[in-house]
Amino acid sequence: MAKNRATTPDVLVIGAGPAGATAALLLARAGREVTLLDSAAFPRPKPCAGWLSPGGTRLCAELELDSRKLAVAKIEEMRFLSHDLAQSAQPAKQDELGVLIDRPNFDEQIVSAARKAGVTFHDRFTVSTVHPGESGVEVKSVEGNVLRARVAVLATGVSQRLTGQLGLRMPADNQAVHAAHLSVRARNVGTGRRTRLTVVLDNKGEGCCYAIEQADQVSLTLQGCETRGIMLERLTWLARKLHEIGHLGVDLAQHAGDASWMTAYRFNALDADSHVGKLSLVIGDAGGFYARVSHEGLYPAMWSAKIAARVIDKALSGSHLQDGLIAFDREWRVAMADFLRPPNTELHLLIPLIFTNQPMANRMGAAFFLGENI
């Protein structure tokens, strides 16, 4: 924990998830003095599906993170199932599907790398106010601790509590994506040593369900825009039916009472007017960085952090700091828009074709795992 004193690093990063820790790591490696804050005690629990797309694994390699410590297993097989589970399709390309990760360990490894790079890290630091001034940003904790820096990076996940204090107006969350998650450790689940990912597609194109099987664990995550009651009912049905038809080696329906519920994303980054506040940037889930086709957020969050770190480092060396930060809005859109946006055709029209047309199944696989448009 920080003491009741003022410090003046170049950058304060609020939120030590993958986006915040990545930004802190890269800025520290660029020679900047960085302080990283998080309200949780690390290592922190994180109940959510743990898979990283091929783009994410390449980014981790670029960050020089030890893949042996980050990845649990390589995804060896995947398939799509229709909404009613009556149809299935398998993309032809199965050699680049990404890896499974353990999220608490994944987050901890990036924070550890950031600390080794020289980042000052304070966990259990809950920010109450963020005040951007003319020459810097002041952050105050709920206990009254004060920190100051030239620039602040907001990477607080789905929370919108602090964005308004930076002078930013993010889109309303009436189309928020929620997630219901179940996970059980169990050996001999019927897949041998192969690691499988099954994706159940919503017939409206508004969500999907991930079923992950590995040698010692089975997990099910449903993402969508429905109410909690409807989604938990759907999750229970999927858990039971996927087991009955042989797509899950364990009947997770009996564990439905242990399902976790959370808001995954409040809006998509493409719907926000700006991610640049006064002497501040918003990245990761806080900025809506997720892919609309697959609802993947981990790789886009870290990708947005990489761009932010480059923009901030350049801006800190320039004569007009705020003008330099504004470049973030342009640079992430140029680099990431195709990955984040929905397909050129309505998904609900494309989904039926996936199960009757192999080229369309291949294109859907490329959209999910490689970020290519359909």
Protein backbone atom coordinates (compact mmCIF):
# COMPACT_ATOMS: atom_id res chain seq x y z
CA MET A 1 0.00 0.00 0.00
CA ALA A 2 1.09 3.55 -0.65
CA LYS A 3 1.73 5.91 2.24
CA ASN A 4 0.10 9.31 2.56
CA ARG A 5 2.54 11.15 0.36
CA ALA A 6 2.77 12.68 -3.10
CA THR A 7 4.90 11.19 -5.86
CA THR A 8 5.44 12.39 -9.40
CA PRO A 9 5.99 9.50 -11.83
CA ASP A 10 5.50 10.05 -15.54
CA VAL A 11 2.43 7.80 -15.68
CA LEU A 12 -0.16 6.45 -13.25
CA VAL A 13 -1.95 3.34 -14.48
CA ILE A 14 -5.21 2.60 -12.64
CA GLY A 15 -6.08 -1.08 -12.95
CA ALA A 16 -3.57 -3.95 -13.04
CA GLY A 17 -5.43 -6.34 -15.33
CA PRO A 18 -3.87 -7.41 -18.64
CA ALA A 19 -4.42 -4.00 -20.26
CA GLY A 20 -3.10 -1.89 -17.39
CA ALA A 21 -0.17 -4.17 -16.62
CA THR A 22 0.80 -4.32 -20.31
CA ALA A 23 0.76 -0.53 -20.61
CA ALA A 24 2.84 -0.19 -17.44
CA LEU A 25 5.33 -2.81 -18.62
CA LEU A 26 5.89 -1.20 -22.02
CA LEU A 27 6.19 2.32 -20.61
CA ALA A 28 8.72 1.17 -18.03
CA ARG A 29 10.75 -0.54 -20.74
CA ALA A 30 10.68 2.74 -22.65
CA GLY A 31 12.37 4.38 -19.66
CA ARG A 32 9.32 6.02 -18.11
CA GLU A 33 8.65 6.13 -14.38
CA VAL A 34 5.36 4.29 -13.88
CA THR A 35 3.11 3.58 -10.90
CA LEU A 36 0.53 0.81 -11.27
CA LEU A 37 -2.53 0.67 -8.97
CA ASP A 38 -5.24 -1.91 -8.34
CA SER A 39 -8.00 -2.16 -5.75
CA ALA A 40 -7.66 -5.95 -5.42
CA ALA A 41 -5.07 -7.94 -3.50
CA PHE A 42 -2.79 -9.83 -5.92
CA PRO A 43 -2.85 -12.57 -7.01
CA ARG A 44 -6.58 -12.01 -7.45
CA PRO A 45 -9.32 -14.52 -8.32
CA LYS A 46 -10.87 -14.11 -11.76
CA PRO A 47 -13.84 -16.36 -12.58
CA CYS A 48 -13.97 -16.33 -16.36
CA ALA A 49 -13.10 -18.42 -19.40
CA GLY A 50 -9.39 -18.53 -19.99
CA TRP A 51 -8.34 -18.66 -23.63
CA LEU A 52 -6.03 -16.45 -25.62
CA SER A 53 -6.28 -16.07 -29.38
CA PRO A 54 -3.28 -16.50 -31.71
CA GLY A 55 -2.91 -12.72 -31.88
CA GLY A 56 -2.70 -12.65 -28.11
CA THR A 57 -0.01 -15.32 -28.00
CA ARG A 58 2.04 -13.38 -30.55
CA LEU A 59 1.65 -10.21 -28.49
CA CYS A 60 2.81 -12.05 -25.36
CA ALA A 61 5.88 -13.23 -27.26
CA GLU A 62 6.51 -9.64 -28.37
CA LEU A 63 6.28 -8.58 -24.71
CA GLU A 64 8.91 -11.25 -23.95
CA LEU A 65 6.61 -12.99 -21.48
CA ASP A 66 7.41 -16.61 -20.68
CA SER A 67 4.80 -18.65 -22.57
CA ARG A 68 5.51 -21.68 -20.37
CA LYS A 69 4.27 -19.71 -17.37
CA LEU A 70 1.33 -18.08 -19.16
CA ALA A 71 -0.29 -20.96 -21.04
CA VAL A 72 -1.98 -24.02 -19.57
CA ALA A 73 -2.40 -25.89 -22.85
CA LYS A 74 -2.64 -25.36 -26.58
CA ILE A 75 -6.17 -25.59 -28.01
CA GLU A 76 -5.99 -28.64 -30.26
CA GLU A 77 -9.52 -28.84 -31.61
CA MET A 78 -12.52 -26.55 -32.03
CA ARG A 79 -16.00 -26.66 -33.53
CA PHE A 80 -19.13 -24.56 -33.85
CA LEU A 81 -22.57 -25.75 -32.75
CA SER A 82 -25.90 -24.22 -33.69
CA HIS A 83 -28.13 -22.53 -31.11
CA ASP A 84 -30.24 -25.68 -30.67
CA LEU A 85 -27.15 -27.95 -30.73
CA ALA A 86 -28.59 -29.86 -33.71
CA GLN A 87 -25.88 -28.85 -36.20
CA SER A 88 -22.11 -28.71 -36.02
CA ALA A 89 -19.29 -27.41 -38.18
CA GLN A 90 -15.52 -27.49 -37.88
CA PRO A 91 -13.24 -24.95 -39.58
CA ALA A 92 -10.66 -26.64 -41.77
CA LYS A 93 -7.79 -24.71 -40.19
CA GLN A 94 -7.14 -26.23 -36.76
CA ASP A 95 -3.44 -25.48 -36.28
CA GLU A 96 -3.74 -21.89 -35.01
CA LEU A 97 -6.45 -21.72 -32.36
CA GLY A 98 -4.63 -20.10 -29.45
CA VAL A 99 -4.03 -21.39 -25.94
CA LEU A 100 -5.84 -21.89 -22.65
CA ILE A 101 -4.71 -19.77 -19.72
CA ASP A 102 -5.33 -19.57 -16.02
CA ARG A 103 -6.52 -15.98 -15.63
CA PRO A 104 -5.31 -15.29 -12.08
CA ASN A 105 -1.86 -16.63 -12.99
CA PHE A 106 -1.90 -14.83 -16.36
CA ASP A 107 -2.64 -11.48 -14.71
CA GLU A 108 -0.02 -12.08 -12.03
CA GLN A 109 2.69 -12.93 -14.59
CA ILE A 110 2.21 -9.64 -16.48
CA VAL A 111 2.24 -7.65 -13.23
CA SER A 112 5.40 -9.49 -12.18
CA ALA A 113 7.06 -8.64 -15.51
CA ALA A 114 6.05 -4.99 -15.07
CA ARG A 115 7.57 -4.88 -11.58
CA LYS A 116 10.80 -6.42 -12.86
CA ALA A 117 10.89 -3.66 -15.49
CA GLY A 118 10.82 -1.06 -12.72
CA VAL A 119 7.11 -0.36 -12.27
CA THR A 120 6.02 0.63 -8.75
CA PHE A 121 2.97 -1.47 -7.91
CA HIS A 122 0.39 -0.81 -5.19
CA ASP A 123 -2.41 -3.35 -4.83
CA ARG A 124 -5.34 -2.78 -2.44
CA PHE A 125 -5.33 0.86 -3.60
CA THR A 126 -8.93 1.85 -4.34
CA VAL A 127 -9.09 5.14 -6.24
CA SER A 128 -11.86 7.47 -5.13
CA THR A 129 -11.12 10.50 -7.32
CA VAL A 130 -9.07 11.36 -10.38
CA HIS A 131 -8.44 15.05 -10.92
CA PRO A 132 -6.66 16.18 -14.12
CA GLY A 133 -5.09 19.59 -13.72
CA GLU A 134 -3.12 21.83 -16.04
CA SER A 135 0.25 20.18 -15.45
CA GLY A 136 -0.64 16.71 -14.21
CA VAL A 137 -3.18 14.31 -12.75
CA GLU A 138 -3.88 13.77 -9.06
CA VAL A 139 -5.28 10.48 -7.80
CA LYS A 140 -6.67 10.01 -4.31
CA SER A 141 -7.52 6.70 -2.63
CA VAL A 142 -10.49 6.06 -0.35
CA GLU A 143 -8.04 6.14 2.58
CA GLY A 144 -6.78 9.59 1.58
CA ASN A 145 -3.48 8.56 -0.06
CA VAL A 146 -2.46 10.91 -2.86
CA LEU A 147 -0.42 10.17 -5.98
CA ARG A 148 0.40 12.48 -8.87
CA ALA A 149 1.71 11.98 -12.38
CA ARG A 150 1.95 13.74 -15.72
CA VAL A 151 -0.47 11.28 -17.38
CA ALA A 152 -3.08 8.81 -16.14
CA VAL A 153 -4.18 5.60 -17.85
CA LEU A 154 -7.58 4.22 -16.89
CA ALA A 155 -7.71 0.41 -17.18
CA THR A 156 -10.40 -0.35 -14.61
CA GLY A 157 -12.28 -3.10 -16.45
CA VAL A 158 -15.99 -2.62 -17.00
CA SER A 159 -16.38 0.04 -14.31
CA GLN A 160 -17.37 3.49 -15.57
CA ARG A 161 -17.06 5.12 -12.17
CA LEU A 162 -13.97 7.19 -12.98
CA THR A 163 -14.36 8.01 -16.68
CA GLY A 164 -16.64 10.98 -16.03
CA GLN A 165 -13.99 12.51 -13.78
CA LEU A 166 -11.67 12.58 -16.79
CA GLY A 167 -14.16 14.62 -18.78
CA LEU A 168 -15.17 11.64 -20.94
CA ARG A 169 -18.64 10.49 -21.88
CA MET A 170 -18.74 6.81 -22.72
CA PRO A 171 -21.79 5.19 -24.42
CA ALA A 172 -24.70 4.06 -22.27
CA ASP A 173 -24.55 0.40 -21.32
CA ASN A 174 -28.05 -0.56 -22.42
CA GLN A 175 -26.44 -3.09 -24.77
CA ALA A 176 -24.00 -4.40 -22.18
CA VAL A 177 -22.63 -7.91 -22.71
CA HIS A 178 -22.97 -10.13 -19.64
CA ALA A 179 -21.27 -13.43 -18.86
CA ALA A 180 -22.37 -16.46 -16.85
CA HIS A 181 -19.56 -18.89 -16.03
CA LEU A 182 -19.21 -22.42 -14.65
CA SER A 183 -15.96 -24.27 -14.07
CA VAL A 184 -15.28 -27.68 -12.48
CA ARG A 185 -12.03 -29.58 -12.00
CA ALA A 186 -12.49 -33.21 -12.99
CA ARG A 187 -10.15 -35.85 -14.36
CA ASN A 188 -10.85 -38.25 -17.21
CA VAL A 189 -13.52 -36.10 -18.84
CA GLY A 190 -13.46 -38.18 -22.00
CA THR A 191 -11.15 -36.16 -24.25
CA GLY A 192 -7.93 -37.96 -23.39
CA ARG A 193 -5.11 -35.45 -23.55
CA ARG A 194 -6.70 -33.31 -26.27
CA THR A 195 -7.87 -29.83 -25.38
CA ARG A 196 -11.13 -28.87 -27.09
CA LEU A 197 -13.03 -25.62 -27.51
CA THR A 198 -16.69 -25.77 -28.54
CA VAL A 199 -18.47 -22.56 -29.52
CA VAL A 200 -22.29 -22.49 -29.47
CA LEU A 201 -23.48 -19.65 -31.69
CA ASP A 202 -26.50 -17.53 -30.83
CA ASN A 203 -29.03 -17.64 -33.67
CA LYS A 204 -29.43 -13.84 -33.52
CA GLY A 205 -25.70 -13.21 -33.64
CA GLU A 206 -25.80 -11.40 -30.29
CA GLY A 207 -23.77 -13.80 -28.17
CA CYS A 208 -22.11 -17.18 -27.90
CA CYS A 209 -21.17 -19.90 -25.44
CA TYR A 210 -17.68 -21.34 -24.93
CA ALA A 211 -17.23 -24.88 -23.68
CA ILE A 212 -13.63 -25.73 -22.82
CA GLU A 213 -12.47 -29.25 -22.08
CA GLN A 214 -9.02 -30.25 -20.94
CA ALA A 215 -7.56 -33.19 -19.07
CA ASP A 216 -8.45 -31.95 -15.59
CA GLN A 217 -11.01 -29.16 -16.01
CA VAL A 218 -14.26 -28.34 -17.81
CA SER A 219 -15.69 -24.83 -18.09
CA LEU A 220 -18.69 -23.22 -19.72
CA THR A 221 -19.12 -19.49 -20.35
CA LEU A 222 -22.22 -17.93 -21.87
CA GLN A 223 -22.02 -14.35 -23.14
CA GLY A 224 -24.96 -12.27 -24.28
CA CYS A 225 -27.25 -9.30 -23.71
CA GLU A 226 -30.14 -11.07 -21.96
CA THR A 227 -31.16 -10.72 -18.31
CA ARG A 228 -29.45 -12.68 -15.58
CA GLY A 229 -32.34 -15.09 -15.09
CA ILE A 230 -32.63 -15.91 -18.78
CA MET A 231 -28.89 -16.40 -19.20
CA LEU A 232 -28.49 -18.63 -16.15
CA GLU A 233 -31.42 -20.75 -17.34
CA ARG A 234 -29.80 -21.01 -20.78
CA LEU A 235 -26.41 -21.89 -19.22
CA THR A 236 -27.98 -24.72 -17.22
CA TRP A 237 -29.74 -26.09 -20.31
CA LEU A 238 -26.53 -25.95 -22.34
CA ALA A 239 -24.54 -27.66 -19.61
CA ARG A 240 -26.97 -30.57 -19.49
CA LYS A 241 -27.50 -30.95 -23.23
CA LEU A 242 -23.83 -30.65 -24.19
CA HIS A 243 -23.11 -33.53 -21.82
CA GLU A 244 -26.01 -35.61 -23.14
CA ILE A 245 -24.86 -35.34 -26.76
CA GLY A 246 -21.25 -36.06 -25.88
CA HIS A 247 -19.72 -32.60 -26.27
CA LEU A 248 -18.86 -32.28 -22.57
CA GLY A 249 -17.41 -35.10 -20.51
CA VAL A 250 -18.97 -33.76 -17.30
CA ASP A 251 -22.57 -32.70 -16.61
CA LEU A 252 -22.06 -29.16 -15.36
CA ALA A 253 -25.81 -28.63 -14.87
CA GLN A 254 -25.52 -30.11 -11.38
CA HIS A 255 -23.15 -27.25 -10.53
CA ALA A 256 -25.38 -24.51 -11.95
CA GLY A 257 -25.96 -23.06 -8.48
CA ASP A 258 -22.25 -22.18 -8.36
CA ALA A 259 -22.33 -20.18 -11.59
CA SER A 260 -20.73 -16.73 -11.45
CA TRP A 261 -22.35 -13.73 -13.11
CA MET A 262 -20.64 -10.56 -14.28
CA THR A 263 -20.80 -7.73 -16.78
CA ALA A 264 -18.25 -8.51 -19.48
CA TYR A 265 -18.43 -5.31 -21.59
CA ARG A 266 -20.58 -2.20 -21.30
CA PHE A 267 -20.09 -0.92 -24.85
CA ASN A 268 -17.89 -1.42 -27.88
CA ALA A 269 -14.91 0.87 -28.41
CA LEU A 270 -16.11 1.78 -31.90
CA ASP A 271 -19.22 3.39 -30.39
CA ALA A 272 -17.23 5.82 -28.20
CA ASP A 273 -16.48 9.31 -29.47
CA SER A 274 -13.09 9.47 -27.76
CA HIS A 275 -10.82 7.55 -25.39
CA VAL A 276 -8.70 10.59 -24.62
CA GLY A 277 -9.49 12.72 -21.59
CA LYS A 278 -7.53 15.57 -20.10
CA LEU A 279 -3.99 14.18 -19.65
CA SER A 280 -5.46 10.69 -19.68
CA LEU A 281 -6.34 7.67 -21.82
CA VAL A 282 -8.88 4.86 -21.36
CA ILE A 283 -7.89 1.35 -22.48
CA GLY A 284 -8.95 -2.29 -22.18
CA ASP A 285 -12.44 -3.27 -21.06
CA ALA A 286 -12.93 0.24 -19.64
CA GLY A 287 -12.71 1.50 -23.22
CA GLY A 288 -14.87 -1.26 -24.73
CA PHE A 289 -12.03 -2.99 -26.55
CA TYR A 290 -13.53 -6.33 -27.54
CA ALA A 291 -14.35 -8.08 -30.82
CA ARG A 292 -18.04 -8.05 -31.69
CA VAL A 293 -17.93 -11.37 -33.56
CA SER A 294 -16.27 -13.53 -30.90
CA HIS A 295 -16.71 -11.28 -27.83
CA GLU A 296 -12.99 -11.77 -27.23
CA GLY A 297 -11.54 -9.04 -25.04
CA LEU A 298 -8.20 -10.18 -23.68
CA TYR A 299 -6.13 -9.68 -26.82
CA PRO A 300 -7.86 -6.38 -27.82
CA ALA A 301 -7.33 -5.07 -24.27
CA MET A 302 -3.59 -5.75 -24.40
CA TRP A 303 -3.43 -4.47 -27.98
CA SER A 304 -5.02 -1.17 -26.94
CA ALA A 305 -2.45 -0.94 -24.13
CA LYS A 306 0.42 -1.43 -26.57
CA ILE A 307 -0.83 1.43 -28.74
CA ALA A 308 -1.46 3.63 -25.69
CA ALA A 309 2.06 3.06 -24.36
CA ARG A 310 3.59 4.08 -27.68
CA VAL A 311 1.42 7.22 -27.89
CA ILE A 312 2.11 8.24 -24.28
CA ASP A 313 5.86 7.74 -24.59
CA LYS A 314 5.95 9.93 -27.69
CA ALA A 315 3.65 12.55 -26.15
CA LEU A 316 5.79 12.82 -23.01
CA SER A 317 8.76 13.69 -25.19
CA GLY A 318 6.85 16.30 -27.18
CA SER A 319 6.23 19.96 -26.46
CA HIS A 320 2.41 19.67 -26.31
CA LEU A 321 1.46 16.71 -24.14
CA GLN A 322 -2.31 16.85 -24.60
CA ASP A 323 -2.02 17.20 -28.37
CA GLY A 324 0.24 14.17 -28.42
CA LEU A 325 -2.23 12.05 -26.45
CA ILE A 326 -5.03 12.83 -28.89
CA ALA A 327 -3.21 10.64 -31.43
CA PHE A 328 -4.43 7.57 -29.51
CA ASP A 329 -7.96 7.92 -30.91
CA ARG A 330 -6.64 7.86 -34.46
CA GLU A 331 -4.00 5.18 -34.03
CA TRP A 332 -6.14 2.51 -32.38
CA ARG A 333 -8.91 2.96 -34.95
CA VAL A 334 -6.48 2.53 -37.83
CA ALA A 335 -4.96 -0.58 -36.27
CA MET A 336 -7.94 -2.24 -34.57
CA ALA A 337 -11.21 -1.23 -36.23
CA ASP A 338 -11.44 -4.28 -38.51
CA PHE A 339 -10.84 -6.62 -35.57
CA LEU A 340 -13.43 -4.96 -33.33
CA ARG A 341 -16.30 -4.28 -35.72
CA PRO A 342 -19.14 -6.65 -36.60
CA PRO A 343 -19.07 -8.39 -40.00
CA ASN A 344 -20.13 -6.65 -43.18
CA THR A 345 -23.30 -8.79 -43.27
CA GLU A 346 -25.72 -9.30 -40.36
CA LEU A 347 -24.52 -12.26 -38.30
CA HIS A 348 -27.98 -13.79 -37.96
CA LEU A 349 -28.04 -14.16 -41.75
CA LEU A 350 -24.60 -15.74 -41.89
CA ILE A 351 -24.85 -18.21 -39.02
CA PRO A 352 -27.15 -20.75 -40.77
CA LEU A 353 -24.66 -20.91 -43.66
CA ILE A 354 -21.84 -21.98 -41.33
CA PHE A 355 -23.45 -25.38 -40.88
CA THR A 356 -24.15 -26.03 -44.57
CA ASN A 357 -21.17 -24.42 -46.28
CA GLN A 358 -17.59 -25.39 -45.41
CA PRO A 359 -15.99 -22.21 -46.80
CA MET A 360 -18.33 -20.18 -44.57
CA ALA A 361 -17.33 -22.30 -41.56
CA ASN A 362 -13.70 -21.61 -42.42
CA ARG A 363 -14.39 -17.87 -42.63
CA MET A 364 -16.18 -17.90 -39.29
CA GLY A 365 -13.18 -19.65 -37.75
CA ALA A 366 -10.87 -16.99 -39.15
CA ALA A 367 -13.16 -14.29 -37.74
CA PHE A 368 -13.14 -15.85 -34.28
CA PHE A 369 -9.47 -16.66 -33.94
CA LEU A 370 -7.62 -14.39 -36.34
CA GLY A 371 -9.83 -11.29 -36.36
CA GLU A 372 -10.54 -11.48 -40.09
CA ASN A 373 -13.88 -10.10 -41.25
CA ILE A 374 -16.46 -12.53 -42.59
